[in-house]
Amino acid sequence: ADALRAAGLSAPEIYAANERAGLALIEDLGDDLFARVVNAADEETLYAHAVDVLVNINAHPPARPAAPQYEMLDYDNLALSAEADLLMEWYWPLKNGGAANNDLGKEYQGIMSDLLSSLSAPHTMVLRDFHAENLLWLPDRAGPARVGLIDFQDGLFGHGAYDLASLLEDARRDVSPDLARAMIERYIAQANNAVPNFDKEAFLNDYAVLAAQRNAKILGVFARLAKRDNKPRYLDLLPRVEAHFRRDLARSQLGPLRKFVATHFPGLAS
């Protein structure tokens, strides 16, 4: 929170904290979550401000938190691969009634490994849950500070495209393809001027790979919540995430993964 606030962003101020007791007194950013006010406010305005936050984070990366009791870890390929593996570990059994064989699992891991190896170098703070239920509208503030940020405690140091994919491929609300395209174009246009050494093609590749990785992870996580944790309501969210994943697979960068899914998950591919 301190790092984000020092970068001019609206994370809650920590007024007092007792780590041993597990207590903190923090700023209340109100109740106007994007998901609640989107019908009253202009959707494009909200999402444009959220995109501006991400450009700001990538143009001026907040100081990487480090202290004796905490250091922000890397969102490296090992972590990304472990998350992507959840597709085969949990979503496959949910859909097929049993575990995938080892050869199939290794084929999938090899494809994901190749895709993740194509990513640009990690370069900024990634909040990881940057979506409409974790963003608050603060219209009385100015610039990127008009977006309140919460639920960033699992933040890591990684790729800037991840949070944009989280925003535009939301598991809990529909974002129209037209709006998503407009926000990607907005991000690129602003990053071209604000982010040092911004590479549009590398960014688009990062976005394609990380969107697919994230939705593969979410399919696995929601299947695990339903099957292992007895939370069947998460099954109701699967169709939206499956639709996101299908759109991800249509991108040119994902040919090998698209072929794998078409062969082994025909219902997911079409």
Protein backbone atom coordinates (compact mmCIF):
# COMPACT_ATOMS: atom_id res chain seq x y z
CA ALA A 1 0.00 0.00 0.00
CA ASP A 2 2.81 2.42 0.85
CA ALA A 3 4.54 1.73 -2.47
CA LEU A 4 1.37 2.33 -4.47
CA ARG A 5 0.53 5.50 -2.55
CA ALA A 6 4.07 6.82 -3.03
CA ALA A 7 3.50 6.34 -6.78
CA GLY A 8 0.44 8.63 -6.60
CA LEU A 9 -2.17 5.87 -6.65
CA SER A 10 -5.16 5.40 -4.35
CA ALA A 11 -4.33 2.41 -2.22
CA PRO A 12 -5.79 2.73 1.29
CA GLU A 13 -3.65 4.63 3.74
CA ILE A 14 -2.54 2.51 6.70
CA TYR A 15 -3.16 4.68 9.76
CA ALA A 16 -1.87 2.15 12.29
CA ALA A 17 -0.94 -1.52 12.32
CA ASN A 18 0.00 -4.17 14.85
CA GLU A 19 1.46 -7.05 12.91
CA ARG A 20 1.77 -9.34 15.91
CA ALA A 21 -1.91 -8.90 16.75
CA GLY A 22 -2.93 -9.08 13.08
CA LEU A 23 -4.75 -5.74 13.25
CA ALA A 24 -4.68 -2.67 11.02
CA LEU A 25 -6.61 0.59 10.89
CA ILE A 26 -6.91 1.54 7.23
CA GLU A 27 -8.55 4.18 5.08
CA ASP A 28 -12.10 3.46 3.92
CA LEU A 29 -12.30 4.12 0.18
CA GLY A 30 -16.10 3.87 0.19
CA ASP A 31 -18.52 1.46 -1.43
CA ASP A 32 -18.48 2.53 -5.08
CA LEU A 33 -16.91 -0.54 -6.62
CA PHE A 34 -16.80 -0.38 -10.41
CA ALA A 35 -19.07 -3.43 -10.48
CA ARG A 36 -21.71 -1.50 -8.52
CA VAL A 37 -21.57 1.92 -10.19
CA VAL A 38 -20.95 0.85 -13.78
CA ASN A 39 -24.64 1.20 -14.65
CA ALA A 40 -24.86 4.70 -13.17
CA ALA A 41 -21.48 5.97 -14.36
CA ASP A 42 -20.18 5.76 -17.91
CA GLU A 43 -18.57 2.34 -18.37
CA GLU A 44 -15.98 3.56 -20.84
CA THR A 45 -14.93 6.35 -18.48
CA LEU A 46 -14.42 3.91 -15.62
CA TYR A 47 -12.40 1.49 -17.70
CA ALA A 48 -10.36 4.27 -19.28
CA HIS A 49 -9.30 5.45 -15.82
CA ALA A 50 -8.43 1.88 -14.83
CA VAL A 51 -6.26 1.57 -17.94
CA ASP A 52 -4.58 4.85 -17.04
CA VAL A 53 -3.65 3.36 -13.65
CA LEU A 54 -1.93 0.47 -15.38
CA VAL A 55 -0.06 2.75 -17.77
CA ASN A 56 1.04 4.79 -14.75
CA ILE A 57 2.27 1.66 -12.95
CA ASN A 58 4.25 0.60 -16.00
CA ALA A 59 5.60 4.07 -16.80
CA HIS A 60 6.60 4.74 -13.19
CA PRO A 61 6.89 1.36 -11.45
CA PRO A 62 6.23 1.67 -7.71
CA ALA A 63 9.20 0.85 -5.53
CA ARG A 64 9.46 -2.90 -5.14
CA PRO A 65 8.54 -3.56 -1.49
CA ALA A 66 11.30 -5.17 0.54
CA ALA A 67 11.62 -5.41 4.32
CA PRO A 68 12.97 -7.94 6.83
CA GLN A 69 9.53 -9.53 7.13
CA TYR A 70 8.43 -9.22 3.48
CA GLU A 71 9.88 -9.07 0.01
CA MET A 72 7.83 -8.93 -3.18
CA LEU A 73 8.58 -12.11 -5.14
CA ASP A 74 8.89 -12.55 -8.91
CA TYR A 75 5.90 -13.60 -11.00
CA ASP A 76 8.27 -15.83 -12.93
CA ASN A 77 7.69 -18.69 -15.34
CA LEU A 78 7.74 -21.22 -12.50
CA ALA A 79 4.80 -19.48 -10.81
CA LEU A 80 2.94 -18.93 -14.10
CA SER A 81 3.43 -22.58 -15.09
CA ALA A 82 2.20 -23.87 -11.74
CA GLU A 83 -0.96 -21.80 -12.13
CA ALA A 84 -1.55 -22.90 -15.73
CA ASP A 85 -1.20 -26.54 -14.63
CA LEU A 86 -4.46 -26.18 -12.69
CA LEU A 87 -6.34 -26.56 -15.98
CA MET A 88 -5.24 -30.18 -16.29
CA GLU A 89 -5.20 -30.90 -12.56
CA TRP A 90 -8.78 -29.79 -11.83
CA TYR A 91 -10.72 -28.66 -14.91
CA TRP A 92 -9.88 -31.80 -16.91
CA PRO A 93 -11.22 -34.19 -14.19
CA LEU A 94 -14.32 -32.03 -13.76
CA LYS A 95 -15.12 -32.39 -17.46
CA ASN A 96 -13.87 -35.93 -18.03
CA GLY A 97 -14.52 -37.75 -14.76
CA GLY A 98 -10.89 -38.70 -14.11
CA ALA A 99 -7.30 -37.53 -14.20
CA ALA A 100 -5.48 -36.91 -17.46
CA ASN A 101 -2.71 -39.37 -18.29
CA ASN A 102 0.90 -38.30 -17.77
CA ASP A 103 1.71 -37.96 -21.48
CA LEU A 104 -1.18 -35.57 -22.00
CA GLY A 105 -0.15 -33.53 -18.99
CA LYS A 106 3.43 -33.31 -20.21
CA GLU A 107 2.30 -32.26 -23.69
CA TYR A 108 0.27 -29.44 -22.20
CA GLN A 109 3.11 -28.36 -19.91
CA GLY A 110 5.51 -28.28 -22.85
CA ILE A 111 3.18 -26.04 -24.87
CA MET A 112 2.67 -23.66 -21.95
CA SER A 113 6.41 -23.60 -21.24
CA ASP A 114 7.14 -22.53 -24.81
CA LEU A 115 4.51 -19.81 -24.66
CA LEU A 116 5.74 -18.48 -21.33
CA SER A 117 9.31 -18.46 -22.63
CA SER A 118 8.20 -15.97 -25.29
CA LEU A 119 7.25 -13.34 -22.68
CA SER A 120 9.25 -10.15 -22.31
CA ALA A 121 11.25 -9.67 -19.12
CA PRO A 122 9.26 -8.96 -15.92
CA HIS A 123 9.43 -5.23 -15.28
CA THR A 124 6.76 -3.91 -12.92
CA MET A 125 4.40 -4.48 -10.02
CA VAL A 126 1.45 -6.73 -10.87
CA LEU A 127 -1.57 -6.49 -8.56
CA ARG A 128 -3.05 -9.78 -9.97
CA ASP A 129 -6.70 -9.18 -9.05
CA PHE A 130 -7.26 -5.97 -10.99
CA HIS A 131 -10.94 -6.11 -11.95
CA ALA A 132 -14.29 -4.42 -11.41
CA GLU A 133 -14.93 -5.85 -7.93
CA ASN A 134 -11.57 -4.61 -6.62
CA LEU A 135 -11.60 -1.10 -8.09
CA LEU A 136 -13.45 1.82 -6.48
CA TRP A 137 -14.59 4.99 -8.23
CA LEU A 138 -13.28 8.12 -6.48
CA PRO A 139 -14.42 10.95 -8.78
CA ASP A 140 -13.37 13.69 -6.36
CA ARG A 141 -9.72 12.78 -6.86
CA ALA A 142 -7.61 13.53 -9.92
CA GLY A 143 -5.94 11.46 -12.63
CA PRO A 144 -5.06 7.83 -11.87
CA ALA A 145 -5.90 8.49 -8.19
CA ARG A 146 -9.59 8.44 -9.16
CA VAL A 147 -9.38 4.63 -9.04
CA GLY A 148 -9.21 3.11 -5.57
CA LEU A 149 -7.18 -0.09 -5.31
CA ILE A 150 -7.82 -3.01 -2.96
CA ASP A 151 -7.01 -6.74 -2.85
CA PHE A 152 -3.40 -6.36 -3.94
CA GLN A 153 -1.85 -8.34 -1.08
CA ASP A 154 -0.82 -11.12 -3.48
CA GLY A 155 0.99 -8.69 -5.77
CA LEU A 156 4.18 -9.83 -7.47
CA PHE A 157 6.86 -8.36 -9.72
CA GLY A 158 5.98 -9.41 -13.24
CA HIS A 159 4.55 -8.45 -16.63
CA GLY A 160 2.47 -5.33 -17.12
CA ALA A 161 0.03 -6.98 -19.53
CA TYR A 162 -1.31 -9.36 -16.86
CA ASP A 163 -3.44 -6.81 -15.02
CA LEU A 164 -4.89 -5.48 -18.27
CA ALA A 165 -6.02 -9.01 -19.12
CA SER A 166 -7.48 -9.30 -15.61
CA LEU A 167 -9.47 -6.11 -16.14
CA LEU A 168 -10.79 -6.88 -19.63
CA GLU A 169 -11.38 -10.64 -19.28
CA ASP A 170 -13.27 -10.44 -16.01
CA ALA A 171 -14.57 -13.73 -14.63
CA ARG A 172 -17.53 -12.04 -12.91
CA ARG A 173 -18.87 -9.50 -15.39
CA ASP A 174 -19.08 -9.15 -19.15
CA VAL A 175 -16.85 -6.62 -20.88
CA SER A 176 -17.89 -6.19 -24.50
CA PRO A 177 -15.30 -7.09 -27.16
CA ASP A 178 -15.59 -3.55 -28.53
CA LEU A 179 -14.78 -2.00 -25.17
CA ALA A 180 -11.93 -4.45 -24.60
CA ARG A 181 -10.40 -3.58 -27.99
CA ALA A 182 -10.76 0.14 -27.30
CA MET A 183 -9.04 -0.21 -23.92
CA ILE A 184 -6.15 -2.22 -25.37
CA GLU A 185 -5.74 0.49 -28.02
CA ARG A 186 -5.86 3.16 -25.31
CA TYR A 187 -3.20 1.35 -23.31
CA ILE A 188 -0.90 1.04 -26.33
CA ALA A 189 -1.39 4.66 -27.41
CA GLN A 190 -0.53 5.98 -23.95
CA ALA A 191 2.28 3.52 -23.30
CA ASN A 192 3.94 4.52 -26.57
CA ASN A 193 4.45 7.97 -25.07
CA ALA A 194 4.85 7.17 -21.39
CA VAL A 195 6.56 3.78 -20.95
CA PRO A 196 10.31 3.75 -21.68
CA ASN A 197 11.26 1.42 -24.54
CA PHE A 198 7.67 0.26 -24.99
CA ASP A 199 7.43 -2.47 -27.64
CA LYS A 200 3.92 -2.86 -29.02
CA GLU A 201 4.48 -6.29 -30.56
CA ALA A 202 6.06 -7.65 -27.40
CA PHE A 203 3.18 -6.24 -25.37
CA LEU A 204 0.56 -7.85 -27.62
CA ASN A 205 2.36 -11.18 -27.33
CA ASP A 206 2.52 -10.81 -23.55
CA TYR A 207 -1.18 -9.98 -23.44
CA ALA A 208 -2.14 -12.99 -25.58
CA VAL A 209 -0.06 -15.45 -23.56
CA LEU A 210 -0.95 -14.09 -20.13
CA ALA A 211 -4.67 -13.85 -20.88
CA ALA A 212 -4.68 -17.53 -21.86
CA GLN A 213 -2.55 -18.47 -18.86
CA ARG A 214 -4.83 -16.58 -16.51
CA ASN A 215 -8.03 -18.07 -17.85
CA ALA A 216 -6.54 -21.58 -17.82
CA LYS A 217 -5.69 -20.97 -14.17
CA ILE A 218 -9.17 -19.64 -13.35
CA LEU A 219 -10.86 -22.63 -14.99
CA GLY A 220 -8.75 -24.86 -12.76
CA VAL A 221 -9.32 -22.77 -9.64
CA PHE A 222 -13.10 -22.63 -10.09
CA ALA A 223 -13.22 -26.38 -10.77
CA ARG A 224 -11.19 -26.97 -7.61
CA LEU A 225 -13.45 -24.72 -5.54
CA ALA A 226 -16.50 -26.63 -6.78
CA LYS A 227 -15.07 -30.15 -6.52
CA ARG A 228 -12.71 -30.05 -3.55
CA ASP A 229 -14.15 -27.20 -1.50
CA ASN A 230 -17.85 -27.90 -2.07
CA LYS A 231 -18.59 -24.47 -3.54
CA PRO A 232 -20.76 -25.34 -6.54
CA ARG A 233 -21.68 -21.70 -7.20
CA TYR A 234 -18.34 -21.35 -8.99
CA LEU A 235 -19.62 -23.68 -11.70
CA ASP A 236 -21.99 -20.87 -12.72
CA LEU A 237 -18.97 -18.71 -13.57
CA LEU A 238 -17.29 -21.27 -15.81
CA PRO A 239 -19.16 -20.43 -19.05
CA ARG A 240 -17.90 -16.84 -19.03
CA VAL A 241 -14.30 -17.92 -18.38
CA GLU A 242 -14.58 -20.61 -21.05
CA ALA A 243 -15.72 -17.93 -23.51
CA HIS A 244 -12.72 -15.78 -22.57
CA PHE A 245 -10.40 -18.74 -23.11
CA ARG A 246 -11.89 -19.49 -26.53
CA ARG A 247 -11.29 -15.89 -27.59
CA ASP A 248 -7.75 -16.10 -26.27
CA LEU A 249 -7.09 -19.20 -28.37
CA ALA A 250 -8.09 -17.35 -31.53
CA ARG A 251 -5.03 -15.10 -31.25
CA SER A 252 -2.24 -15.95 -33.67
CA GLN A 253 0.37 -16.36 -30.92
CA LEU A 254 -1.48 -19.33 -29.43
CA GLY A 255 -1.55 -21.78 -32.35
CA PRO A 256 -0.03 -24.78 -30.51
CA LEU A 257 -2.33 -24.34 -27.51
CA ARG A 258 -5.33 -23.87 -29.82
CA LYS A 259 -4.48 -27.18 -31.55
CA PHE A 260 -4.08 -28.98 -28.21
CA VAL A 261 -7.42 -27.74 -26.91
CA ALA A 262 -9.21 -28.54 -30.18
CA THR A 263 -7.89 -32.11 -29.98
CA HIS A 264 -8.40 -32.84 -26.30
CA PHE A 265 -11.07 -30.32 -25.19
CA PRO A 266 -13.34 -30.11 -28.24
CA GLY A 267 -16.19 -28.66 -26.19
CA LEU A 268 -13.93 -25.90 -24.88
CA ALA A 269 -12.53 -25.07 -28.31
CA SER A 270 -15.84 -24.35 -30.04
